[in-house]
Amino acid sequence: MPATISHVLVALDASARDREVADVAGRLATTTGVSLAVVLPRTARVAARLGSFAAGEDLSPADAAEVYADQVAEPLRQRGIPTASAAVLADDAAAAIAAYADRHQSAMILTAGGTRALRRTVAERLARISPTPLVVVPTQFHRSTEAVA
């Protein structure tokens, strides 16, 4: 019997591309009925990237990561897509994402080709260690599909 994908992890990196990959995942969820989990690995790089966000919101780095993941997830929830959000403490983004997926998800979607926290090398590593199917959205994908959608 073929495996059924019912839960998809959306990996974030606290970059401008997060909302793009969340939108792609949202379209996938709307089409297929899967639920989503928006996950941000709390690495030192992500904490640094969220520094001004945390200061502006008067949050600790841990709380900033949780709030950020929740803010990315909220538009998906507003579209009626079952969406959880989490920030997971990590020294290694790829390992943290793979471990979360192994416990909770049946597939993953992430963007690649830009930031240091989830750059191409993390996507490549996830392709080797992922316990679940992996969809990597190139940074140009969202812009190229806007005319079609």
N, C-alpha and C. Protein backbone atom coordinates (compact mmCIF):
# COMPACT_ATOMS: atom_id res chain seq x y z
N MET A 1 0.84 -1.18 0.00
CA MET A 1 0.00 0.00 0.00
C MET A 1 0.89 1.24 0.00
N PRO A 2 0.65 2.22 -0.92
CA PRO A 2 1.51 3.39 -0.97
C PRO A 2 1.34 4.27 0.27
N ALA A 3 2.41 4.93 0.64
CA ALA A 3 2.37 5.85 1.78
C ALA A 3 1.53 7.07 1.42
N THR A 4 0.82 7.58 2.39
CA THR A 4 0.02 8.77 2.20
C THR A 4 0.64 9.92 2.96
N ILE A 5 0.79 11.04 2.30
CA ILE A 5 1.31 12.24 2.96
C ILE A 5 0.13 13.01 3.53
N SER A 6 0.16 13.20 4.85
CA SER A 6 -0.94 13.91 5.50
C SER A 6 -0.47 15.14 6.28
N HIS A 7 0.80 15.19 6.62
CA HIS A 7 1.36 16.30 7.38
C HIS A 7 2.64 16.76 6.70
N VAL A 8 2.78 18.07 6.51
CA VAL A 8 3.96 18.61 5.84
C VAL A 8 4.63 19.64 6.73
N LEU A 9 5.93 19.47 6.94
CA LEU A 9 6.73 20.42 7.70
C LEU A 9 7.19 21.52 6.74
N VAL A 10 7.00 22.76 7.14
CA VAL A 10 7.46 23.92 6.37
C VAL A 10 8.63 24.51 7.14
N ALA A 11 9.84 24.32 6.62
CA ALA A 11 11.04 24.76 7.32
C ALA A 11 11.32 26.23 7.03
N LEU A 12 11.50 27.00 8.08
CA LEU A 12 11.79 28.43 7.98
C LEU A 12 13.25 28.70 8.29
N ASP A 13 13.71 29.90 7.90
CA ASP A 13 15.08 30.32 8.25
C ASP A 13 15.14 31.78 8.65
N ALA A 14 14.00 32.39 8.97
CA ALA A 14 13.92 33.79 9.38
C ALA A 14 14.42 34.72 8.28
N SER A 15 14.08 34.39 7.04
CA SER A 15 14.45 35.24 5.90
C SER A 15 13.18 35.72 5.21
N ALA A 16 13.36 36.60 4.24
CA ALA A 16 12.23 37.11 3.47
C ALA A 16 11.53 36.00 2.70
N ARG A 17 12.21 34.91 2.43
CA ARG A 17 11.63 33.80 1.67
C ARG A 17 10.66 32.95 2.49
N ASP A 18 10.64 33.11 3.79
CA ASP A 18 9.77 32.29 4.63
C ASP A 18 8.31 32.39 4.22
N ARG A 19 7.85 33.58 3.98
CA ARG A 19 6.44 33.75 3.62
C ARG A 19 6.16 33.17 2.24
N GLU A 20 7.16 33.20 1.35
CA GLU A 20 6.99 32.61 0.02
C GLU A 20 6.83 31.10 0.12
N VAL A 21 7.72 30.44 0.88
CA VAL A 21 7.63 28.98 0.98
C VAL A 21 6.36 28.59 1.74
N ALA A 22 5.95 29.41 2.70
CA ALA A 22 4.70 29.13 3.41
C ALA A 22 3.51 29.24 2.45
N ASP A 23 3.56 30.20 1.53
CA ASP A 23 2.49 30.33 0.55
C ASP A 23 2.45 29.13 -0.39
N VAL A 24 3.61 28.67 -0.84
CA VAL A 24 3.66 27.48 -1.69
C VAL A 24 3.09 26.28 -0.93
N ALA A 25 3.49 26.13 0.33
CA ALA A 25 2.96 25.04 1.16
C ALA A 25 1.45 25.18 1.34
N GLY A 26 0.99 26.42 1.50
CA GLY A 26 -0.44 26.66 1.63
C GLY A 26 -1.21 26.24 0.39
N ARG A 27 -0.65 26.50 -0.78
CA ARG A 27 -1.31 26.06 -2.01
C ARG A 27 -1.33 24.54 -2.10
N LEU A 28 -0.25 23.91 -1.68
CA LEU A 28 -0.20 22.44 -1.64
C LEU A 28 -1.26 21.90 -0.68
N ALA A 29 -1.37 22.53 0.49
CA ALA A 29 -2.34 22.08 1.49
C ALA A 29 -3.78 22.27 1.00
N THR A 30 -4.04 23.38 0.35
CA THR A 30 -5.37 23.64 -0.17
C THR A 30 -5.76 22.61 -1.23
N THR A 31 -4.80 22.24 -2.05
CA THR A 31 -5.05 21.29 -3.13
C THR A 31 -5.19 19.85 -2.63
N THR A 32 -4.37 19.49 -1.63
CA THR A 32 -4.30 18.08 -1.21
C THR A 32 -4.97 17.78 0.11
N GLY A 33 -5.23 18.81 0.93
CA GLY A 33 -5.85 18.58 2.22
C GLY A 33 -4.87 18.21 3.34
N VAL A 34 -3.58 18.36 3.11
CA VAL A 34 -2.61 18.06 4.16
C VAL A 34 -2.63 19.16 5.22
N SER A 35 -2.18 18.82 6.42
CA SER A 35 -1.98 19.83 7.46
C SER A 35 -0.52 20.24 7.43
N LEU A 36 -0.23 21.41 7.97
CA LEU A 36 1.12 21.96 7.94
C LEU A 36 1.66 22.19 9.34
N ALA A 37 2.97 22.13 9.47
CA ALA A 37 3.67 22.54 10.68
C ALA A 37 4.79 23.48 10.25
N VAL A 38 4.70 24.73 10.64
CA VAL A 38 5.70 25.74 10.33
C VAL A 38 6.76 25.67 11.42
N VAL A 39 8.00 25.34 11.05
CA VAL A 39 9.05 25.08 12.02
C VAL A 39 10.27 25.95 11.74
N LEU A 40 10.75 26.61 12.78
CA LEU A 40 11.94 27.45 12.70
C LEU A 40 13.01 26.86 13.61
N PRO A 41 14.15 26.38 13.05
CA PRO A 41 15.23 25.92 13.92
C PRO A 41 15.90 27.12 14.58
N ARG A 42 15.97 27.12 15.90
CA ARG A 42 16.56 28.24 16.64
C ARG A 42 18.07 28.05 16.73
N THR A 43 18.76 28.34 15.64
CA THR A 43 20.21 28.29 15.62
C THR A 43 20.76 29.66 16.01
N ALA A 44 22.05 29.75 16.22
CA ALA A 44 22.68 31.04 16.54
C ALA A 44 22.46 32.03 15.40
N ARG A 45 22.54 31.58 14.16
CA ARG A 45 22.33 32.47 13.01
C ARG A 45 20.90 32.98 12.95
N VAL A 46 19.95 32.11 13.21
CA VAL A 46 18.55 32.54 13.20
C VAL A 46 18.31 33.53 14.34
N ALA A 47 18.88 33.26 15.51
CA ALA A 47 18.74 34.19 16.65
C ALA A 47 19.30 35.56 16.29
N ALA A 48 20.44 35.58 15.61
CA ALA A 48 21.02 36.86 15.20
C ALA A 48 20.11 37.57 14.20
N ARG A 49 19.56 36.82 13.27
CA ARG A 49 18.67 37.40 12.27
C ARG A 49 17.40 37.96 12.91
N LEU A 50 16.95 37.33 13.99
CA LEU A 50 15.73 37.78 14.67
C LEU A 50 16.01 38.83 15.74
N GLY A 51 17.26 39.25 15.89
CA GLY A 51 17.62 40.20 16.94
C GLY A 51 16.81 41.46 16.92
N SER A 52 16.69 42.13 15.78
CA SER A 52 15.93 43.38 15.73
C SER A 52 14.44 43.12 15.91
N PHE A 53 13.96 41.99 15.41
CA PHE A 53 12.56 41.61 15.61
C PHE A 53 12.28 41.43 17.10
N ALA A 54 13.19 40.73 17.79
CA ALA A 54 13.03 40.50 19.24
C ALA A 54 13.06 41.81 20.00
N ALA A 55 13.99 42.68 19.65
CA ALA A 55 14.10 43.96 20.35
C ALA A 55 12.86 44.82 20.12
N GLY A 56 12.37 44.83 18.89
CA GLY A 56 11.18 45.63 18.57
C GLY A 56 9.93 45.13 19.27
N GLU A 57 9.87 43.84 19.55
CA GLU A 57 8.72 43.24 20.22
C GLU A 57 8.98 43.05 21.71
N ASP A 58 10.17 43.42 22.18
CA ASP A 58 10.58 43.24 23.58
C ASP A 58 10.44 41.78 24.00
N LEU A 59 11.08 40.89 23.21
CA LEU A 59 11.00 39.45 23.45
C LEU A 59 12.39 38.86 23.66
N SER A 60 12.44 37.77 24.39
CA SER A 60 13.68 37.00 24.48
C SER A 60 13.91 36.34 23.12
N PRO A 61 15.15 35.91 22.81
CA PRO A 61 15.39 35.22 21.54
C PRO A 61 14.51 33.98 21.36
N ALA A 62 14.31 33.21 22.42
CA ALA A 62 13.46 32.02 22.31
C ALA A 62 12.02 32.40 22.01
N ASP A 63 11.52 33.40 22.72
CA ASP A 63 10.15 33.85 22.47
C ASP A 63 10.01 34.46 21.09
N ALA A 64 11.04 35.19 20.64
CA ALA A 64 11.00 35.80 19.31
C ALA A 64 10.86 34.73 18.23
N ALA A 65 11.58 33.63 18.38
CA ALA A 65 11.49 32.55 17.39
C ALA A 65 10.09 31.95 17.37
N GLU A 66 9.50 31.73 18.53
CA GLU A 66 8.13 31.19 18.61
C GLU A 66 7.13 32.16 17.98
N VAL A 67 7.25 33.45 18.32
CA VAL A 67 6.32 34.45 17.79
C VAL A 67 6.47 34.57 16.28
N TYR A 68 7.71 34.58 15.81
CA TYR A 68 7.97 34.67 14.37
C TYR A 68 7.33 33.49 13.63
N ALA A 69 7.57 32.27 14.10
CA ALA A 69 6.99 31.08 13.45
C ALA A 69 5.46 31.18 13.46
N ASP A 70 4.90 31.64 14.56
CA ASP A 70 3.46 31.78 14.65
C ASP A 70 2.93 32.83 13.67
N GLN A 71 3.67 33.93 13.49
CA GLN A 71 3.25 34.97 12.55
C GLN A 71 3.29 34.47 11.10
N VAL A 72 4.26 33.63 10.77
CA VAL A 72 4.30 33.05 9.42
C VAL A 72 3.14 32.08 9.24
N ALA A 73 2.78 31.35 10.29
CA ALA A 73 1.70 30.36 10.22
C ALA A 73 0.31 30.99 10.19
N GLU A 74 0.14 32.15 10.78
CA GLU A 74 -1.19 32.74 10.93
C GLU A 74 -1.95 32.95 9.62
N PRO A 75 -1.34 33.47 8.55
CA PRO A 75 -2.10 33.60 7.29
C PRO A 75 -2.59 32.26 6.75
N LEU A 76 -1.85 31.19 7.01
CA LEU A 76 -2.29 29.87 6.59
C LEU A 76 -3.52 29.45 7.38
N ARG A 77 -3.49 29.71 8.67
CA ARG A 77 -4.66 29.39 9.52
C ARG A 77 -5.88 30.19 9.07
N GLN A 78 -5.65 31.46 8.71
CA GLN A 78 -6.76 32.30 8.27
C GLN A 78 -7.38 31.79 6.98
N ARG A 79 -6.60 31.05 6.19
CA ARG A 79 -7.12 30.44 4.96
C ARG A 79 -7.80 29.11 5.25
N GLY A 80 -7.89 28.72 6.53
CA GLY A 80 -8.56 27.49 6.91
C GLY A 80 -7.68 26.25 6.83
N ILE A 81 -6.38 26.44 6.73
CA ILE A 81 -5.45 25.32 6.64
C ILE A 81 -4.99 24.96 8.04
N PRO A 82 -5.17 23.70 8.46
CA PRO A 82 -4.69 23.30 9.79
C PRO A 82 -3.16 23.47 9.84
N THR A 83 -2.71 24.38 10.71
CA THR A 83 -1.29 24.72 10.75
C THR A 83 -0.81 24.88 12.18
N ALA A 84 0.19 24.11 12.55
CA ALA A 84 0.87 24.26 13.84
C ALA A 84 2.13 25.09 13.59
N SER A 85 2.70 25.63 14.65
CA SER A 85 3.96 26.35 14.51
C SER A 85 4.84 26.00 15.70
N ALA A 86 6.16 26.00 15.46
CA ALA A 86 7.11 25.67 16.52
C ALA A 86 8.47 26.25 16.18
N ALA A 87 9.22 26.53 17.23
CA ALA A 87 10.63 26.89 17.09
C ALA A 87 11.39 25.85 17.90
N VAL A 88 12.35 25.20 17.26
CA VAL A 88 13.09 24.13 17.93
C VAL A 88 14.54 24.55 18.13
N LEU A 89 15.04 24.40 19.33
CA LEU A 89 16.42 24.73 19.65
C LEU A 89 17.35 23.82 18.88
N ALA A 90 18.38 24.41 18.25
CA ALA A 90 19.25 23.59 17.42
C ALA A 90 20.63 24.22 17.25
N ASP A 91 21.65 23.38 17.25
CA ASP A 91 22.97 23.80 16.81
C ASP A 91 23.11 23.55 15.32
N ASP A 92 22.39 22.56 14.83
CA ASP A 92 22.47 22.11 13.44
C ASP A 92 21.06 22.16 12.85
N ALA A 93 20.82 23.11 11.94
CA ALA A 93 19.49 23.30 11.37
C ALA A 93 18.98 22.05 10.67
N ALA A 94 19.80 21.42 9.85
CA ALA A 94 19.34 20.25 9.10
C ALA A 94 18.96 19.10 10.03
N ALA A 95 19.80 18.84 11.02
CA ALA A 95 19.51 17.75 11.96
C ALA A 95 18.24 18.04 12.75
N ALA A 96 18.05 19.28 13.18
CA ALA A 96 16.86 19.63 13.95
C ALA A 96 15.59 19.48 13.11
N ILE A 97 15.65 19.91 11.86
CA ILE A 97 14.49 19.80 10.98
C ILE A 97 14.17 18.33 10.71
N ALA A 98 15.21 17.54 10.42
CA ALA A 98 15.00 16.11 10.15
C ALA A 98 14.42 15.40 11.37
N ALA A 99 14.93 15.73 12.56
CA ALA A 99 14.42 15.10 13.78
C ALA A 99 12.96 15.46 14.02
N TYR A 100 12.61 16.73 13.83
CA TYR A 100 11.23 17.15 14.00
C TYR A 100 10.33 16.42 13.00
N ALA A 101 10.78 16.35 11.76
CA ALA A 101 9.99 15.67 10.73
C ALA A 101 9.82 14.19 11.05
N ASP A 102 10.86 13.58 11.56
CA ASP A 102 10.80 12.16 11.89
C ASP A 102 9.73 11.88 12.95
N ARG A 103 9.56 12.80 13.88
CA ARG A 103 8.58 12.63 14.96
C ARG A 103 7.17 13.03 14.55
N HIS A 104 7.04 14.02 13.67
CA HIS A 104 5.72 14.63 13.50
C HIS A 104 5.17 14.67 12.07
N GLN A 105 5.99 14.55 11.05
CA GLN A 105 5.52 14.86 9.70
C GLN A 105 5.72 13.70 8.74
N SER A 106 5.02 13.79 7.61
CA SER A 106 5.20 12.77 6.59
C SER A 106 5.88 13.32 5.34
N ALA A 107 6.17 14.62 5.30
CA ALA A 107 6.93 15.24 4.20
C ALA A 107 7.43 16.60 4.68
N MET A 108 8.36 17.19 3.91
CA MET A 108 8.91 18.51 4.24
C MET A 108 8.93 19.38 2.99
N ILE A 109 8.82 20.69 3.20
CA ILE A 109 8.98 21.66 2.13
C ILE A 109 9.83 22.80 2.68
N LEU A 110 10.80 23.25 1.90
CA LEU A 110 11.64 24.36 2.31
C LEU A 110 12.15 25.08 1.09
N THR A 111 12.67 26.27 1.30
CA THR A 111 13.27 27.03 0.22
C THR A 111 14.78 26.81 0.26
N ALA A 112 15.42 27.06 -0.85
CA ALA A 112 16.87 26.89 -0.91
C ALA A 112 17.46 27.97 -1.80
N GLY A 113 18.70 28.29 -1.51
CA GLY A 113 19.43 29.18 -2.39
C GLY A 113 19.56 30.59 -1.87
N GLY A 114 19.74 30.76 -0.57
CA GLY A 114 19.88 32.14 -0.15
C GLY A 114 20.57 32.32 1.17
N THR A 115 19.86 32.15 2.24
CA THR A 115 20.38 32.54 3.53
C THR A 115 21.32 31.51 4.11
N ARG A 116 22.04 31.92 5.11
CA ARG A 116 23.02 31.02 5.72
C ARG A 116 22.38 29.93 6.57
N ALA A 117 21.26 30.21 7.19
CA ALA A 117 20.65 29.21 8.09
C ALA A 117 20.05 28.04 7.31
N LEU A 118 19.41 28.30 6.20
CA LEU A 118 18.83 27.23 5.38
C LEU A 118 19.28 27.40 3.94
N ARG A 119 20.55 27.53 3.73
CA ARG A 119 21.03 27.70 2.37
C ARG A 119 21.10 26.36 1.67
N ARG A 120 21.58 26.37 0.47
CA ARG A 120 21.61 25.17 -0.36
C ARG A 120 22.26 23.99 0.35
N THR A 121 23.30 24.21 1.11
CA THR A 121 23.97 23.09 1.76
C THR A 121 23.06 22.41 2.79
N VAL A 122 22.21 23.16 3.46
CA VAL A 122 21.27 22.55 4.39
C VAL A 122 20.24 21.73 3.61
N ALA A 123 19.75 22.27 2.52
CA ALA A 123 18.80 21.52 1.69
C ALA A 123 19.45 20.24 1.16
N GLU A 124 20.70 20.34 0.73
CA GLU A 124 21.41 19.15 0.24
C GLU A 124 21.57 18.13 1.36
N ARG A 125 21.92 18.59 2.54
CA ARG A 125 22.09 17.67 3.67
C ARG A 125 20.76 17.01 4.03
N LEU A 126 19.68 17.80 4.03
CA LEU A 126 18.37 17.23 4.31
C LEU A 126 17.99 16.18 3.27
N ALA A 127 18.37 16.39 2.02
CA ALA A 127 18.08 15.40 0.99
C ALA A 127 18.75 14.07 1.32
N ARG A 128 19.89 14.11 2.01
CA ARG A 128 20.59 12.88 2.37
C ARG A 128 20.07 12.26 3.67
N ILE A 129 19.67 13.10 4.65
CA ILE A 129 19.32 12.55 5.97
C ILE A 129 17.84 12.54 6.28
N SER A 130 17.04 13.15 5.43
CA SER A 130 15.61 13.28 5.74
C SER A 130 14.93 11.92 5.86
N PRO A 131 14.15 11.75 6.92
CA PRO A 131 13.38 10.52 7.08
C PRO A 131 12.08 10.55 6.27
N THR A 132 11.80 11.69 5.63
CA THR A 132 10.53 11.87 4.91
C THR A 132 10.82 12.45 3.52
N PRO A 133 9.86 12.40 2.61
CA PRO A 133 10.03 13.06 1.31
C PRO A 133 10.29 14.56 1.52
N LEU A 134 11.09 15.14 0.62
CA LEU A 134 11.52 16.53 0.76
C LEU A 134 11.24 17.28 -0.53
N VAL A 135 10.55 18.42 -0.42
CA VAL A 135 10.31 19.30 -1.56
C VAL A 135 11.14 20.56 -1.32
N VAL A 136 12.02 20.87 -2.25
CA VAL A 136 12.84 22.07 -2.14
C VAL A 136 12.33 23.06 -3.17
N VAL A 137 11.90 24.23 -2.70
CA VAL A 137 11.36 25.26 -3.57
C VAL A 137 12.49 26.24 -3.90
N PRO A 138 12.89 26.32 -5.19
CA PRO A 138 13.93 27.28 -5.52
C PRO A 138 13.44 28.70 -5.28
N THR A 139 14.34 29.61 -5.00
CA THR A 139 13.94 30.97 -4.65
C THR A 139 13.16 31.64 -5.78
N GLN A 140 13.38 31.25 -7.02
CA GLN A 140 12.67 31.85 -8.15
C GLN A 140 11.29 31.25 -8.36
N PHE A 141 10.97 30.13 -7.73
CA PHE A 141 9.73 29.40 -7.98
C PHE A 141 8.50 30.25 -7.72
N HIS A 142 8.43 30.88 -6.57
CA HIS A 142 7.24 31.63 -6.20
C HIS A 142 6.96 32.74 -7.20
N ARG A 143 7.99 33.48 -7.56
CA ARG A 143 7.80 34.58 -8.50
C ARG A 143 7.36 34.07 -9.87
N SER A 144 7.90 32.93 -10.32
CA SER A 144 7.56 32.42 -11.64
C SER A 144 6.16 31.83 -11.68
N THR A 145 5.61 31.43 -10.57
CA THR A 145 4.27 30.84 -10.57
C THR A 145 3.18 31.87 -10.30
N GLU A 146 3.55 33.11 -9.95
CA GLU A 146 2.53 34.11 -9.67
C GLU A 146 1.70 34.40 -10.90
N ALA A 147 2.32 34.42 -12.08
CA ALA A 147 1.59 34.70 -13.30
C ALA A 147 0.63 33.57 -13.64
N VAL A 148 0.97 32.34 -13.24
CA VAL A 148 0.15 31.19 -13.54
C VAL A 148 -1.00 31.05 -12.54
N ALA A 149 -0.73 31.35 -11.27
CA ALA A 149 -1.72 31.14 -10.20
C ALA A 149 -2.90 32.09 -10.29
